[in-house]
Amino acid sequence: MNLFSFFKKTDKVGADSAIDSNQLVQDTEASSDNKEVTTKLSLHPEWNVPLEQQYVFSFLANELEPLKPNQLSLAAINIEEDKRNGAWYVKAFFRSSIPNNIELGEIGLIIVDKDGKRLASKEFDFKELGTLPPESARPWVFKFEKEYLETKEMPEDGWTIAFNLIALRGHQLELDESWKKQLPQEQQELLAKVVKELPKLGRKEVNFTGLQARVRDDNSLMVSIFIRNGNDQAINLEQLPLEIIDANGKLVAKGSFKMNPALTVQGNSTKPWTFIFPAKTVNAEGADLSRWTAKVVQ
């Protein structure tokens, strides 16, 4: 693995982004010592590092600030752009202040500028980094291909590479305050269970899943829908054109709903919402609503 050419004597260690280790690592031994931890340089065991390059790594590692006990961290160094394809090569130290070895799997990372604006996001397989020894720091290069970048401009000083905490927490149920007030705690827990059992969303996928449908006495149709956001950033819905299709493929209702204010669904979350189709937009005669689909009209 030849990453050595990316690290130079002129590099400087930049901003550090640290989290509590229990957000990523379960059942690990935690240190009860409150003293700050100075991490030691750890090179991948499969690397055959030239002596001069070892000096570069050692120099950079010595610039790292101590961590608090039981933390995982990413310390930014530099970004180089591949002029051929626009990819970013992000140099950083992956650091641990916990007192035992760790090995991680798929982890989402983000790049943010000095003002907190997100510039890129991507999932990486941390198994490639190998086992990280206790209280150590391992240099690595994270490649963000152009498709994962959310800006055309390279960041200035003060940028950070960080763990994507929204992606880490797992997909969650998001209830509007009005739903929280109306639903007993048992029903809220049941909805959360249903959300967890739904098929996993794709990256950046937004999905509309039917929850409940009922034709009312005035022949209007009331439907409750799960709005599922697979992005790790919030989405805002201002206008939603919907069709309701029954179990036999019959168009039961069609209408467009204007959200004022916009309906926000937080990143990596599912929010249930209720829509009422006026009777004049509903054709429920002979409809089979034992199963139905909500379709967003393009």
Protein backbone atom coordinates (compact mmCIF):
# COMPACT_ATOMS: atom_id res chain seq x y z
CA MET A 1 0.00 0.00 0.00
CA ASN A 2 1.85 3.14 -1.19
CA LEU A 3 0.45 6.17 0.56
CA PHE A 4 3.79 7.58 1.59
CA SER A 5 4.09 10.06 -1.27
CA PHE A 6 1.10 11.97 0.10
CA PHE A 7 2.86 12.84 3.39
CA LYS A 8 5.49 15.54 3.22
CA LYS A 9 7.85 17.36 5.57
CA THR A 10 5.90 20.57 4.93
CA ASP A 11 2.59 19.12 6.18
CA LYS A 12 1.05 20.51 9.35
CA VAL A 13 -1.46 18.92 11.68
CA GLY A 14 -4.73 20.87 11.68
CA ALA A 15 -8.06 20.66 13.49
CA ASP A 16 -8.95 17.60 15.56
CA SER A 17 -12.43 16.04 15.72
CA ALA A 18 -13.00 13.71 18.69
CA ILE A 19 -15.97 11.67 19.96
CA ASP A 20 -16.57 9.37 22.92
CA SER A 21 -15.46 5.87 21.94
CA ASN A 22 -18.78 4.32 23.03
CA GLN A 23 -20.43 5.99 20.03
CA LEU A 24 -18.47 3.64 17.77
CA VAL A 25 -17.11 0.81 19.89
CA GLN A 26 -19.24 -1.38 22.15
CA ASP A 27 -18.07 -3.52 25.06
CA THR A 28 -14.64 -1.94 25.16
CA GLU A 29 -12.58 -1.47 28.28
CA ALA A 30 -12.83 2.13 29.45
CA SER A 31 -10.07 3.89 31.31
CA SER A 32 -10.97 5.27 34.74
CA ASP A 33 -8.00 7.63 34.62
CA ASN A 34 -8.88 11.26 33.92
CA LYS A 35 -5.42 12.20 32.68
CA GLU A 36 -5.06 13.33 29.07
CA VAL A 37 -3.60 10.76 26.70
CA THR A 38 -0.68 11.41 24.36
CA THR A 39 -1.16 9.05 21.43
CA LYS A 40 1.78 7.15 19.99
CA LEU A 41 2.49 6.74 16.27
CA SER A 42 1.26 3.42 14.87
CA LEU A 43 2.03 2.41 11.29
CA HIS A 44 0.06 -0.26 9.44
CA PRO A 45 1.85 -3.62 9.99
CA GLU A 46 1.84 -4.32 6.24
CA TRP A 47 3.67 -1.09 5.43
CA ASN A 48 7.38 -1.16 4.65
CA VAL A 49 8.13 2.46 5.46
CA PRO A 50 11.40 4.03 4.32
CA LEU A 51 13.40 5.58 7.16
CA GLU A 52 13.00 9.13 5.85
CA GLN A 53 9.22 8.69 5.69
CA GLN A 54 9.21 7.36 9.25
CA TYR A 55 10.73 10.68 10.32
CA VAL A 56 7.90 12.54 8.55
CA PHE A 57 5.24 10.45 10.29
CA SER A 58 6.97 10.84 13.66
CA PHE A 59 7.23 14.60 13.24
CA LEU A 60 3.51 14.91 12.43
CA ALA A 61 2.50 12.55 15.26
CA ASN A 62 4.47 14.66 17.74
CA GLU A 63 2.38 17.70 16.75
CA LEU A 64 -0.88 16.03 17.80
CA GLU A 65 -2.66 17.42 20.86
CA PRO A 66 -3.42 14.99 23.72
CA LEU A 67 -6.87 13.40 23.82
CA LYS A 68 -9.22 12.97 26.73
CA PRO A 69 -9.55 9.36 27.96
CA ASN A 70 -11.78 6.99 25.97
CA GLN A 71 -11.98 9.01 22.76
CA LEU A 72 -11.71 8.30 19.05
CA SER A 73 -10.50 11.11 16.86
CA LEU A 74 -9.62 12.20 13.34
CA ALA A 75 -6.88 14.81 13.10
CA ALA A 76 -6.81 16.68 9.79
CA ILE A 77 -3.53 17.19 7.96
CA ASN A 78 -4.10 18.22 4.35
CA ILE A 79 -6.21 17.74 1.22
CA GLU A 80 -4.77 17.15 -2.24
CA GLU A 81 -6.96 17.27 -5.34
CA ASP A 82 -6.51 14.84 -8.21
CA LYS A 83 -6.55 17.16 -11.21
CA ARG A 84 -7.45 14.27 -13.52
CA ASN A 85 -10.76 13.32 -11.91
CA GLY A 86 -11.45 15.92 -9.20
CA ALA A 87 -11.16 13.47 -6.28
CA TRP A 88 -9.90 14.68 -2.90
CA TYR A 89 -7.17 12.81 -1.05
CA VAL A 90 -7.67 13.70 2.60
CA LYS A 91 -4.70 13.08 4.88
CA ALA A 92 -5.46 12.52 8.54
CA PHE A 93 -4.55 10.60 11.67
CA PHE A 94 -7.08 8.10 13.04
CA ARG A 95 -6.53 8.21 16.79
CA SER A 96 -7.64 6.30 19.88
CA SER A 97 -7.16 7.06 23.59
CA ILE A 98 -8.81 3.84 24.80
CA PRO A 99 -6.61 1.26 26.57
CA ASN A 100 -7.16 -1.70 24.22
CA ASN A 101 -7.00 -2.66 20.55
CA ILE A 102 -9.86 -1.67 18.27
CA GLU A 103 -10.97 -2.65 14.79
CA LEU A 104 -13.88 -0.91 13.09
CA GLY A 105 -16.09 -1.64 10.07
CA GLU A 106 -18.08 0.66 7.79
CA ILE A 107 -17.97 4.24 9.08
CA GLY A 108 -19.36 7.40 7.50
CA LEU A 109 -17.04 10.42 7.40
CA ILE A 110 -17.71 14.05 6.52
CA ILE A 111 -15.57 17.05 5.63
CA VAL A 112 -16.71 20.41 7.02
CA ASP A 113 -15.22 23.87 6.57
CA LYS A 114 -14.25 26.31 9.33
CA ASP A 115 -17.86 27.60 9.46
CA GLY A 116 -19.34 24.11 9.89
CA LYS A 117 -20.61 23.80 6.30
CA ARG A 118 -20.46 20.25 4.99
CA LEU A 119 -18.23 19.81 1.94
CA ALA A 120 -18.17 16.03 1.40
CA SER A 121 -19.43 12.75 2.84
CA LYS A 122 -18.64 9.10 2.21
CA GLU A 123 -18.59 5.71 3.96
CA PHE A 124 -15.23 3.99 4.46
CA ASP A 125 -14.31 0.45 5.48
CA PHE A 126 -12.07 0.99 8.50
CA LYS A 127 -11.03 -2.66 8.41
CA GLU A 128 -8.54 -1.52 5.76
CA LEU A 129 -6.81 0.53 8.45
CA GLY A 130 -6.20 -2.65 10.44
CA THR A 131 -6.20 -3.07 14.20
CA LEU A 132 -5.36 0.13 16.04
CA PRO A 133 -3.30 -0.44 19.21
CA PRO A 134 -4.17 1.24 22.52
CA GLU A 135 -3.60 4.99 22.77
CA SER A 136 -2.21 5.35 19.27
CA ALA A 137 -2.46 7.38 16.06
CA ARG A 138 -2.37 5.90 12.56
CA PRO A 139 -1.83 8.04 9.44
CA TRP A 140 -4.20 7.39 6.54
CA VAL A 141 -5.43 8.87 3.28
CA PHE A 142 -9.20 8.92 2.74
CA LYS A 143 -10.20 9.26 -0.91
CA PHE A 144 -13.41 11.20 -1.60
CA GLU A 145 -14.32 10.72 -5.26
CA LYS A 146 -15.94 13.66 -7.05
CA GLU A 147 -19.44 12.16 -6.67
CA TYR A 148 -19.11 12.46 -2.88
CA LEU A 149 -18.12 16.14 -2.93
CA GLU A 150 -20.73 18.80 -2.25
CA THR A 151 -18.64 21.78 -3.36
CA LYS A 152 -16.31 22.71 -6.21
CA GLU A 153 -13.90 24.64 -4.02
CA MET A 154 -11.17 23.22 -1.82
CA PRO A 155 -11.55 24.41 1.79
CA GLU A 156 -9.30 26.97 3.38
CA ASP A 157 -7.58 26.50 6.74
CA GLY A 158 -9.75 25.33 9.61
CA TRP A 159 -11.53 22.46 7.86
CA THR A 160 -12.08 19.17 9.70
CA ILE A 161 -12.67 15.54 8.87
CA ALA A 162 -15.15 14.00 11.30
CA PHE A 163 -17.27 10.94 12.01
CA ASN A 164 -20.78 11.28 10.60
CA LEU A 165 -22.72 11.05 13.85
CA ILE A 166 -26.13 11.23 12.15
CA ALA A 167 -25.29 8.13 10.11
CA LEU A 168 -23.80 6.42 13.18
CA ARG A 169 -26.90 6.73 15.34
CA GLY A 170 -28.94 4.56 12.97
CA HIS A 171 -32.25 5.30 11.27
CA GLN A 172 -34.78 6.76 13.70
CA LEU A 173 -38.43 7.65 14.02
CA GLU A 174 -39.04 11.40 14.05
CA LEU A 175 -42.38 12.50 15.46
CA ASP A 176 -43.79 15.98 15.05
CA GLU A 177 -44.86 17.59 18.32
CA SER A 178 -48.52 17.25 17.30
CA TRP A 179 -48.08 13.49 16.92
CA LYS A 180 -46.30 13.22 20.26
CA LYS A 181 -49.23 14.92 21.99
CA GLN A 182 -51.86 12.74 20.32
CA LEU A 183 -50.20 9.31 20.48
CA PRO A 184 -49.84 7.33 23.72
CA GLN A 185 -46.30 6.19 24.51
CA GLU A 186 -47.14 2.58 23.58
CA GLN A 187 -48.18 3.62 20.07
CA GLN A 188 -45.06 5.75 19.68
CA GLU A 189 -42.93 2.74 20.60
CA LEU A 190 -44.88 0.58 18.14
CA LEU A 191 -44.23 3.08 15.34
CA ALA A 192 -40.53 3.11 16.20
CA LYS A 193 -40.49 -0.69 15.97
CA VAL A 194 -42.21 -0.60 12.56
CA VAL A 195 -39.66 1.95 11.29
CA LYS A 196 -36.76 -0.27 12.36
CA GLU A 197 -38.23 -3.24 10.48
CA LEU A 198 -38.68 -1.37 7.17
CA PRO A 199 -36.21 -2.16 4.35
CA LYS A 200 -32.96 -0.22 4.53
CA LEU A 201 -32.88 2.93 2.43
CA GLY A 202 -30.25 3.56 -0.21
CA ARG A 203 -27.78 6.41 0.01
CA LYS A 204 -29.68 9.70 -0.47
CA GLU A 205 -32.94 7.81 -1.06
CA VAL A 206 -36.25 9.42 -0.07
CA ASN A 207 -39.12 6.96 0.18
CA PHE A 208 -42.87 7.25 0.84
CA THR A 209 -44.39 4.21 2.55
CA GLY A 210 -48.09 3.82 3.30
CA LEU A 211 -49.07 3.48 6.95
CA GLN A 212 -52.86 3.84 7.17
CA ALA A 213 -55.69 4.80 4.79
CA ARG A 214 -59.36 5.44 5.52
CA VAL A 215 -62.29 6.78 3.50
CA ARG A 216 -64.16 9.22 5.71
CA ASP A 217 -67.92 9.80 5.93
CA ASP A 218 -67.70 12.80 3.57
CA ASN A 219 -65.92 10.56 0.99
CA SER A 220 -62.60 12.29 1.49
CA LEU A 221 -59.58 10.03 1.88
CA MET A 222 -57.25 10.32 4.88
CA VAL A 223 -53.87 8.65 4.52
CA SER A 224 -50.94 8.50 6.91
CA ILE A 225 -47.57 8.03 5.25
CA PHE A 226 -44.04 7.34 6.42
CA ILE A 227 -41.74 9.91 4.79
CA ARG A 228 -38.36 8.20 4.92
CA ASN A 229 -35.15 10.18 4.48
CA GLY A 230 -32.02 8.15 3.73
CA ASN A 231 -29.86 11.27 3.44
CA ASP A 232 -27.75 12.25 6.43
CA GLN A 233 -28.98 15.82 6.00
CA ALA A 234 -32.49 17.16 6.53
CA ILE A 235 -34.88 17.59 3.60
CA ASN A 236 -37.59 20.24 3.31
CA LEU A 237 -40.83 19.47 1.44
CA GLU A 238 -42.72 22.53 0.20
CA GLN A 239 -44.97 20.93 -2.43
CA LEU A 240 -45.92 17.26 -2.57
CA PRO A 241 -47.94 15.88 -5.52
CA LEU A 242 -49.29 12.48 -4.45
CA GLU A 243 -51.19 9.57 -5.97
CA ILE A 244 -52.71 6.73 -3.95
CA ILE A 245 -52.80 3.35 -5.71
CA ASP A 246 -54.78 0.44 -4.26
CA ALA A 247 -53.86 -3.28 -4.09
CA ASN A 248 -55.13 -3.84 -7.65
CA GLY A 249 -53.29 -0.89 -9.20
CA LYS A 250 -56.37 1.34 -9.23
CA LEU A 251 -55.82 5.09 -8.87
CA VAL A 252 -57.84 5.98 -5.78
CA ALA A 253 -56.83 9.60 -5.21
CA LYS A 254 -54.61 12.26 -6.70
CA GLY A 255 -53.71 15.67 -5.35
CA SER A 256 -50.97 18.18 -4.61
CA PHE A 257 -50.25 19.37 -1.08
CA LYS A 258 -48.59 22.68 -0.33
CA MET A 259 -46.60 22.71 2.92
CA ASN A 260 -46.57 26.04 4.68
CA PRO A 261 -44.27 26.05 6.51
CA ALA A 262 -42.17 23.47 4.71
CA LEU A 263 -42.28 19.96 6.16
CA THR A 264 -38.80 19.06 7.44
CA VAL A 265 -37.61 15.48 7.79
CA GLN A 266 -34.30 15.19 9.62
CA GLY A 267 -31.39 13.21 8.23
CA ASN A 268 -31.51 9.42 8.55
CA SER A 269 -35.06 9.64 9.92
CA THR A 270 -38.63 8.62 9.15
CA LYS A 271 -41.48 11.04 9.86
CA PRO A 272 -45.14 9.99 9.67
CA TRP A 273 -47.53 12.57 8.24
CA THR A 274 -51.24 12.63 7.43
CA PHE A 275 -52.73 13.92 4.18
CA ILE A 276 -56.45 14.39 3.41
CA PHE A 277 -57.62 14.17 -0.19
CA PRO A 278 -60.89 16.10 -0.76
CA ALA A 279 -63.83 13.98 -1.97
CA LYS A 280 -63.68 15.48 -5.47
CA THR A 281 -60.15 14.05 -5.91
CA VAL A 282 -61.11 10.56 -4.66
CA ASN A 283 -62.45 7.55 -6.57
CA ALA A 284 -62.78 4.96 -3.81
CA GLU A 285 -65.63 2.88 -5.26
CA GLY A 286 -64.50 -0.75 -5.33
CA ALA A 287 -61.06 0.17 -4.05
CA ASP A 288 -59.04 -2.40 -2.10
CA LEU A 289 -57.15 -0.48 0.58
CA SER A 290 -55.94 -3.60 2.38
CA ARG A 291 -52.66 -2.79 0.64
CA TRP A 292 -51.88 0.49 -1.06
CA THR A 293 -49.04 2.61 -2.34
CA ALA A 294 -48.28 6.32 -2.08
CA LYS A 295 -46.58 7.60 -5.23
CA VAL A 296 -44.98 11.01 -5.71
CA VAL A 297 -45.93 12.35 -9.11
CA GLN A 298 -43.03 13.80 -11.04
